[in-house]
Amino acid sequence: MQFSEMGNPGSRAAGETQPVAFKSEILVSSVDSITQPRPLRKVDPGKPEDEELARLRGLVVLYAVISQDGGVDRVRIVRSLNPALDQRAMDALKRWKFKAAHIGKRPIEVQALFGVPFRPQPNL
């Protein structure tokens, strides 16, 4: 697994040079197997009660951390559709439950992106 981090360019004082990106690596022995998280409970954001919102179509993209206990933490909006729909998507995702990811038999935190679609619903 690899990830890289960049410094925040807006946090530098005038005249400072741009920080160099650095990479961190997590080394896993070849005998350790990595098991991906698996959803145990999914919660739908539901249909908005507001008729104008119910006609919107699009995708809210969320970043979250799946914790070692399978809960969903640190939910952030990556791509917004509408503030009210964004909130519905975030509230629903926070209620999901996962079987945690593992390295060997040890549970680990993982980062994930989620797409929450909204589609107009026909009036019944």
N, C-alpha and C. Protein backbone atom coordinates (compact mmCIF):
# COMPACT_ATOMS: atom_id res chain seq x y z
N MET A 1 0.84 -1.16 0.00
CA MET A 1 0.00 0.00 0.00
C MET A 1 0.89 1.23 0.00
N GLN A 2 0.55 2.23 -0.79
CA GLN A 2 1.31 3.47 -0.80
C GLN A 2 0.36 4.65 -0.71
N PHE A 3 0.84 5.73 -0.12
CA PHE A 3 0.11 6.97 -0.19
C PHE A 3 1.12 8.10 -0.17
N SER A 4 0.72 9.25 -0.65
CA SER A 4 1.62 10.39 -0.62
C SER A 4 0.87 11.57 -0.03
N GLU A 5 1.61 12.48 0.54
CA GLU A 5 1.03 13.66 1.14
C GLU A 5 1.74 14.89 0.60
N MET A 6 1.00 15.95 0.45
CA MET A 6 1.56 17.21 -0.01
C MET A 6 1.33 18.25 1.08
N GLY A 7 2.25 19.17 1.19
CA GLY A 7 2.05 20.29 2.11
C GLY A 7 0.95 21.19 1.59
N ASN A 8 0.38 22.01 2.44
CA ASN A 8 -0.65 22.97 2.05
C ASN A 8 0.02 24.22 1.51
N PRO A 9 -0.10 24.50 0.18
CA PRO A 9 0.61 25.63 -0.40
C PRO A 9 0.17 26.96 0.21
N GLY A 10 -1.04 27.05 0.69
CA GLY A 10 -1.53 28.31 1.26
C GLY A 10 -0.95 28.59 2.63
N SER A 11 -0.26 27.63 3.24
CA SER A 11 0.24 27.82 4.59
C SER A 11 1.69 28.31 4.62
N ARG A 12 2.31 28.53 3.46
CA ARG A 12 3.70 28.97 3.42
C ARG A 12 3.79 30.48 3.52
N ALA A 13 4.82 30.93 4.19
CA ALA A 13 5.08 32.37 4.25
C ALA A 13 5.71 32.80 2.93
N ALA A 14 5.63 34.09 2.62
CA ALA A 14 6.20 34.61 1.37
C ALA A 14 7.69 34.29 1.33
N GLY A 15 8.16 33.85 0.18
CA GLY A 15 9.57 33.56 -0.01
C GLY A 15 9.96 32.13 0.35
N GLU A 16 9.08 31.38 1.00
CA GLU A 16 9.41 30.00 1.32
C GLU A 16 9.30 29.15 0.07
N THR A 17 10.11 28.14 -0.01
CA THR A 17 10.03 27.25 -1.16
C THR A 17 8.91 26.25 -0.97
N GLN A 18 8.43 25.71 -2.07
CA GLN A 18 7.37 24.70 -2.02
C GLN A 18 7.92 23.43 -1.42
N PRO A 19 7.20 22.83 -0.46
CA PRO A 19 7.70 21.58 0.11
C PRO A 19 7.68 20.47 -0.93
N VAL A 20 8.58 19.55 -0.76
CA VAL A 20 8.67 18.41 -1.66
C VAL A 20 7.71 17.34 -1.16
N ALA A 21 6.98 16.74 -2.09
CA ALA A 21 6.06 15.66 -1.71
C ALA A 21 6.89 14.49 -1.20
N PHE A 22 6.36 13.80 -0.22
CA PHE A 22 7.05 12.62 0.25
C PHE A 22 6.10 11.44 0.21
N LYS A 23 6.62 10.27 0.10
CA LYS A 23 5.81 9.05 0.05
C LYS A 23 6.09 8.24 1.30
N SER A 24 5.04 7.68 1.81
CA SER A 24 5.17 6.74 2.92
C SER A 24 4.71 5.39 2.42
N GLU A 25 5.35 4.36 2.86
CA GLU A 25 4.96 3.02 2.45
C GLU A 25 4.68 2.18 3.68
N ILE A 26 3.66 1.38 3.58
CA ILE A 26 3.38 0.38 4.60
C ILE A 26 3.78 -0.94 3.98
N LEU A 27 4.73 -1.60 4.60
CA LEU A 27 5.21 -2.86 4.06
C LEU A 27 4.48 -4.01 4.73
N VAL A 28 3.98 -4.90 3.93
CA VAL A 28 3.23 -6.05 4.42
C VAL A 28 3.95 -7.29 3.92
N SER A 29 4.20 -8.22 4.81
CA SER A 29 4.90 -9.45 4.38
C SER A 29 4.00 -10.23 3.43
N SER A 30 4.62 -11.03 2.59
CA SER A 30 3.86 -11.77 1.58
C SER A 30 2.95 -12.82 2.20
N VAL A 31 3.18 -13.19 3.46
CA VAL A 31 2.31 -14.17 4.09
C VAL A 31 1.04 -13.53 4.67
N ASP A 32 1.08 -12.21 4.87
CA ASP A 32 -0.10 -11.51 5.36
C ASP A 32 -1.06 -11.25 4.20
N SER A 33 -2.30 -11.61 4.39
CA SER A 33 -3.28 -11.34 3.35
C SER A 33 -4.10 -10.11 3.77
N ILE A 34 -4.47 -9.31 2.80
CA ILE A 34 -5.26 -8.12 3.05
C ILE A 34 -6.70 -8.42 2.66
N THR A 35 -7.60 -8.27 3.60
CA THR A 35 -9.02 -8.49 3.36
C THR A 35 -9.70 -7.14 3.31
N GLN A 36 -10.41 -6.86 2.23
CA GLN A 36 -11.12 -5.59 2.06
C GLN A 36 -12.33 -5.53 2.99
N PRO A 37 -12.77 -4.31 3.35
CA PRO A 37 -13.99 -4.20 4.16
C PRO A 37 -15.19 -4.68 3.36
N ARG A 38 -16.19 -5.20 4.06
CA ARG A 38 -17.40 -5.69 3.41
C ARG A 38 -18.61 -5.08 4.11
N PRO A 39 -19.52 -4.46 3.33
CA PRO A 39 -20.69 -3.85 3.98
C PRO A 39 -21.59 -4.91 4.61
N LEU A 40 -21.98 -4.65 5.85
CA LEU A 40 -22.93 -5.51 6.56
C LEU A 40 -24.31 -4.86 6.60
N ARG A 41 -24.34 -3.53 6.67
CA ARG A 41 -25.60 -2.80 6.69
C ARG A 41 -25.43 -1.53 5.86
N LYS A 42 -26.32 -1.36 4.87
CA LYS A 42 -26.34 -0.15 4.06
C LYS A 42 -27.61 0.62 4.39
N VAL A 43 -27.49 1.93 4.44
CA VAL A 43 -28.64 2.79 4.73
C VAL A 43 -28.84 3.72 3.54
N ASP A 44 -30.05 3.69 2.98
CA ASP A 44 -30.41 4.53 1.84
C ASP A 44 -30.72 5.94 2.33
N PRO A 45 -30.29 6.98 1.59
CA PRO A 45 -30.59 8.35 2.03
C PRO A 45 -32.07 8.70 1.89
N GLY A 46 -32.81 7.89 1.16
CA GLY A 46 -34.25 8.11 1.03
C GLY A 46 -34.59 9.25 0.08
N LYS A 47 -35.87 9.38 -0.20
CA LYS A 47 -36.38 10.40 -1.11
C LYS A 47 -36.62 11.69 -0.31
N PRO A 48 -36.09 12.81 -0.81
CA PRO A 48 -36.33 14.08 -0.12
C PRO A 48 -37.82 14.43 -0.15
N GLU A 49 -38.30 15.03 0.93
CA GLU A 49 -39.70 15.42 0.99
C GLU A 49 -39.98 16.65 0.13
N ASP A 50 -38.99 17.51 -0.01
CA ASP A 50 -39.14 18.71 -0.82
C ASP A 50 -39.24 18.31 -2.30
N GLU A 51 -40.31 18.73 -2.97
CA GLU A 51 -40.53 18.33 -4.38
C GLU A 51 -39.43 18.82 -5.30
N GLU A 52 -38.91 20.01 -5.06
CA GLU A 52 -37.84 20.54 -5.91
C GLU A 52 -36.58 19.69 -5.77
N LEU A 53 -36.23 19.31 -4.55
CA LEU A 53 -35.06 18.46 -4.33
C LEU A 53 -35.28 17.07 -4.91
N ALA A 54 -36.50 16.57 -4.83
CA ALA A 54 -36.81 15.23 -5.33
C ALA A 54 -36.64 15.13 -6.84
N ARG A 55 -36.64 16.27 -7.55
CA ARG A 55 -36.46 16.26 -9.00
C ARG A 55 -34.99 16.32 -9.42
N LEU A 56 -34.09 16.56 -8.47
CA LEU A 56 -32.67 16.65 -8.82
C LEU A 56 -32.09 15.27 -9.13
N ARG A 57 -31.16 15.25 -10.06
CA ARG A 57 -30.47 14.02 -10.44
C ARG A 57 -28.98 14.30 -10.36
N GLY A 58 -28.26 13.36 -9.77
CA GLY A 58 -26.81 13.52 -9.70
C GLY A 58 -26.20 12.60 -8.67
N LEU A 59 -24.92 12.81 -8.42
CA LEU A 59 -24.15 11.95 -7.55
C LEU A 59 -23.42 12.80 -6.52
N VAL A 60 -23.58 12.46 -5.26
CA VAL A 60 -22.78 13.04 -4.19
C VAL A 60 -21.62 12.08 -3.95
N VAL A 61 -20.39 12.59 -3.99
CA VAL A 61 -19.22 11.75 -3.75
C VAL A 61 -18.68 12.10 -2.37
N LEU A 62 -18.51 11.06 -1.56
CA LEU A 62 -18.07 11.23 -0.18
C LEU A 62 -16.78 10.46 0.07
N TYR A 63 -15.92 11.03 0.90
CA TYR A 63 -14.73 10.37 1.42
C TYR A 63 -15.06 9.95 2.85
N ALA A 64 -14.61 8.78 3.27
CA ALA A 64 -14.81 8.35 4.65
C ALA A 64 -13.71 7.37 5.04
N VAL A 65 -13.58 7.20 6.34
CA VAL A 65 -12.67 6.21 6.89
C VAL A 65 -13.52 5.10 7.49
N ILE A 66 -13.22 3.88 7.10
CA ILE A 66 -13.87 2.72 7.71
C ILE A 66 -12.95 2.28 8.84
N SER A 67 -13.45 2.38 10.06
CA SER A 67 -12.63 2.14 11.24
C SER A 67 -12.40 0.66 11.49
N GLN A 68 -11.56 0.38 12.47
CA GLN A 68 -11.23 -1.00 12.83
C GLN A 68 -12.43 -1.76 13.37
N ASP A 69 -13.43 -1.03 13.89
CA ASP A 69 -14.64 -1.71 14.39
C ASP A 69 -15.74 -1.78 13.33
N GLY A 70 -15.45 -1.30 12.11
CA GLY A 70 -16.42 -1.37 11.02
C GLY A 70 -17.34 -0.17 10.91
N GLY A 71 -17.17 0.80 11.78
CA GLY A 71 -17.96 2.03 11.71
C GLY A 71 -17.42 2.96 10.64
N VAL A 72 -18.19 3.98 10.30
CA VAL A 72 -17.79 4.95 9.29
C VAL A 72 -17.52 6.27 9.99
N ASP A 73 -16.29 6.79 9.81
CA ASP A 73 -15.85 8.00 10.48
C ASP A 73 -15.33 9.02 9.47
N ARG A 74 -15.17 10.24 9.93
CA ARG A 74 -14.54 11.33 9.18
C ARG A 74 -15.12 11.48 7.77
N VAL A 75 -16.41 11.51 7.66
CA VAL A 75 -17.08 11.65 6.36
C VAL A 75 -16.93 13.08 5.87
N ARG A 76 -16.50 13.23 4.63
CA ARG A 76 -16.30 14.54 4.01
C ARG A 76 -16.89 14.53 2.59
N ILE A 77 -17.34 15.68 2.14
CA ILE A 77 -17.88 15.80 0.78
C ILE A 77 -16.72 16.02 -0.18
N VAL A 78 -16.66 15.20 -1.22
CA VAL A 78 -15.68 15.35 -2.28
C VAL A 78 -16.31 16.10 -3.45
N ARG A 79 -17.56 15.71 -3.79
CA ARG A 79 -18.30 16.40 -4.86
C ARG A 79 -19.73 16.60 -4.39
N SER A 80 -20.14 17.85 -4.40
CA SER A 80 -21.46 18.23 -3.90
C SER A 80 -22.50 18.24 -5.02
N LEU A 81 -23.73 17.97 -4.63
CA LEU A 81 -24.87 18.07 -5.55
C LEU A 81 -25.77 19.22 -5.11
N ASN A 82 -26.11 19.24 -3.84
CA ASN A 82 -26.97 20.25 -3.24
C ASN A 82 -26.76 20.11 -1.73
N PRO A 83 -26.67 21.21 -0.99
CA PRO A 83 -26.38 21.08 0.44
C PRO A 83 -27.33 20.14 1.20
N ALA A 84 -28.61 20.19 0.89
CA ALA A 84 -29.57 19.32 1.59
C ALA A 84 -29.37 17.86 1.21
N LEU A 85 -29.11 17.58 -0.07
CA LEU A 85 -28.87 16.20 -0.50
C LEU A 85 -27.51 15.70 -0.01
N ASP A 86 -26.52 16.59 0.02
CA ASP A 86 -25.21 16.23 0.57
C ASP A 86 -25.37 15.75 2.02
N GLN A 87 -26.14 16.49 2.80
CA GLN A 87 -26.34 16.14 4.21
C GLN A 87 -27.06 14.81 4.35
N ARG A 88 -28.07 14.58 3.50
CA ARG A 88 -28.78 13.29 3.54
C ARG A 88 -27.82 12.14 3.24
N ALA A 89 -26.96 12.34 2.24
CA ALA A 89 -25.99 11.31 1.86
C ALA A 89 -25.01 11.05 3.01
N MET A 90 -24.51 12.12 3.64
CA MET A 90 -23.57 11.97 4.75
C MET A 90 -24.23 11.26 5.94
N ASP A 91 -25.45 11.66 6.28
CA ASP A 91 -26.16 11.04 7.40
C ASP A 91 -26.38 9.54 7.16
N ALA A 92 -26.74 9.19 5.93
CA ALA A 92 -26.97 7.78 5.60
C ALA A 92 -25.65 6.99 5.70
N LEU A 93 -24.58 7.52 5.12
CA LEU A 93 -23.30 6.80 5.12
C LEU A 93 -22.78 6.59 6.54
N LYS A 94 -22.97 7.54 7.42
CA LYS A 94 -22.51 7.40 8.81
C LYS A 94 -23.20 6.25 9.52
N ARG A 95 -24.34 5.79 9.01
CA ARG A 95 -25.08 4.69 9.63
C ARG A 95 -24.75 3.33 9.02
N TRP A 96 -23.91 3.30 7.96
CA TRP A 96 -23.48 2.04 7.39
C TRP A 96 -22.60 1.31 8.40
N LYS A 97 -22.55 -0.01 8.27
CA LYS A 97 -21.68 -0.83 9.12
C LYS A 97 -20.95 -1.82 8.23
N PHE A 98 -19.67 -2.01 8.49
CA PHE A 98 -18.82 -2.88 7.69
C PHE A 98 -18.18 -3.96 8.54
N LYS A 99 -17.84 -5.07 7.89
CA LYS A 99 -16.88 -5.99 8.46
C LYS A 99 -15.54 -5.34 8.13
N ALA A 100 -14.75 -5.03 9.12
CA ALA A 100 -13.53 -4.24 8.93
C ALA A 100 -12.53 -4.92 8.00
N ALA A 101 -11.69 -4.10 7.39
CA ALA A 101 -10.57 -4.61 6.60
C ALA A 101 -9.56 -5.21 7.56
N HIS A 102 -8.79 -6.18 7.08
CA HIS A 102 -7.79 -6.85 7.90
C HIS A 102 -6.49 -7.02 7.14
N ILE A 103 -5.39 -6.97 7.87
CA ILE A 103 -4.10 -7.45 7.38
C ILE A 103 -3.83 -8.67 8.23
N GLY A 104 -3.84 -9.82 7.60
CA GLY A 104 -3.77 -11.05 8.37
C GLY A 104 -5.03 -11.13 9.23
N LYS A 105 -4.86 -11.21 10.54
CA LYS A 105 -6.01 -11.26 11.43
C LYS A 105 -6.22 -9.94 12.17
N ARG A 106 -5.41 -8.93 11.85
CA ARG A 106 -5.46 -7.64 12.54
C ARG A 106 -6.37 -6.67 11.79
N PRO A 107 -7.43 -6.15 12.44
CA PRO A 107 -8.28 -5.16 11.77
C PRO A 107 -7.53 -3.85 11.56
N ILE A 108 -7.80 -3.21 10.43
CA ILE A 108 -7.13 -1.94 10.10
C ILE A 108 -8.17 -0.92 9.63
N GLU A 109 -7.81 0.37 9.73
CA GLU A 109 -8.61 1.45 9.16
C GLU A 109 -8.29 1.55 7.68
N VAL A 110 -9.30 1.86 6.87
CA VAL A 110 -9.07 2.12 5.45
C VAL A 110 -9.85 3.35 5.02
N GLN A 111 -9.34 4.02 4.01
CA GLN A 111 -10.01 5.18 3.43
C GLN A 111 -10.80 4.71 2.22
N ALA A 112 -11.94 5.35 1.99
CA ALA A 112 -12.78 4.94 0.86
C ALA A 112 -13.54 6.12 0.29
N LEU A 113 -13.90 6.01 -0.98
CA LEU A 113 -14.78 6.97 -1.65
C LEU A 113 -16.10 6.27 -1.93
N PHE A 114 -17.19 7.00 -1.74
CA PHE A 114 -18.53 6.47 -1.96
C PHE A 114 -19.29 7.41 -2.88
N GLY A 115 -20.00 6.86 -3.84
CA GLY A 115 -20.90 7.64 -4.69
C GLY A 115 -22.33 7.36 -4.26
N VAL A 116 -23.06 8.41 -3.91
CA VAL A 116 -24.45 8.26 -3.48
C VAL A 116 -25.32 8.90 -4.56
N PRO A 117 -26.03 8.08 -5.36
CA PRO A 117 -26.83 8.64 -6.46
C PRO A 117 -28.19 9.14 -5.97
N PHE A 118 -28.64 10.21 -6.60
CA PHE A 118 -29.98 10.72 -6.41
C PHE A 118 -30.64 10.78 -7.78
N ARG A 119 -31.85 10.26 -7.87
CA ARG A 119 -32.59 10.22 -9.14
C ARG A 119 -34.01 10.71 -8.88
N PRO A 120 -34.60 11.39 -9.85
CA PRO A 120 -36.00 11.78 -9.69
C PRO A 120 -36.88 10.54 -9.53
N GLN A 121 -37.81 10.58 -8.62
CA GLN A 121 -38.72 9.47 -8.39
C GLN A 121 -40.08 9.78 -9.00
N PRO A 122 -40.68 8.81 -9.66
CA PRO A 122 -42.02 9.04 -10.20
C PRO A 122 -43.03 9.19 -9.06
N ASN A 123 -44.00 10.04 -9.27
CA ASN A 123 -45.06 10.19 -8.27
C ASN A 123 -45.96 8.98 -8.31
N LEU A 124 -46.18 8.37 -7.16
CA LEU A 124 -47.03 7.17 -7.09
C LEU A 124 -48.38 7.52 -6.55
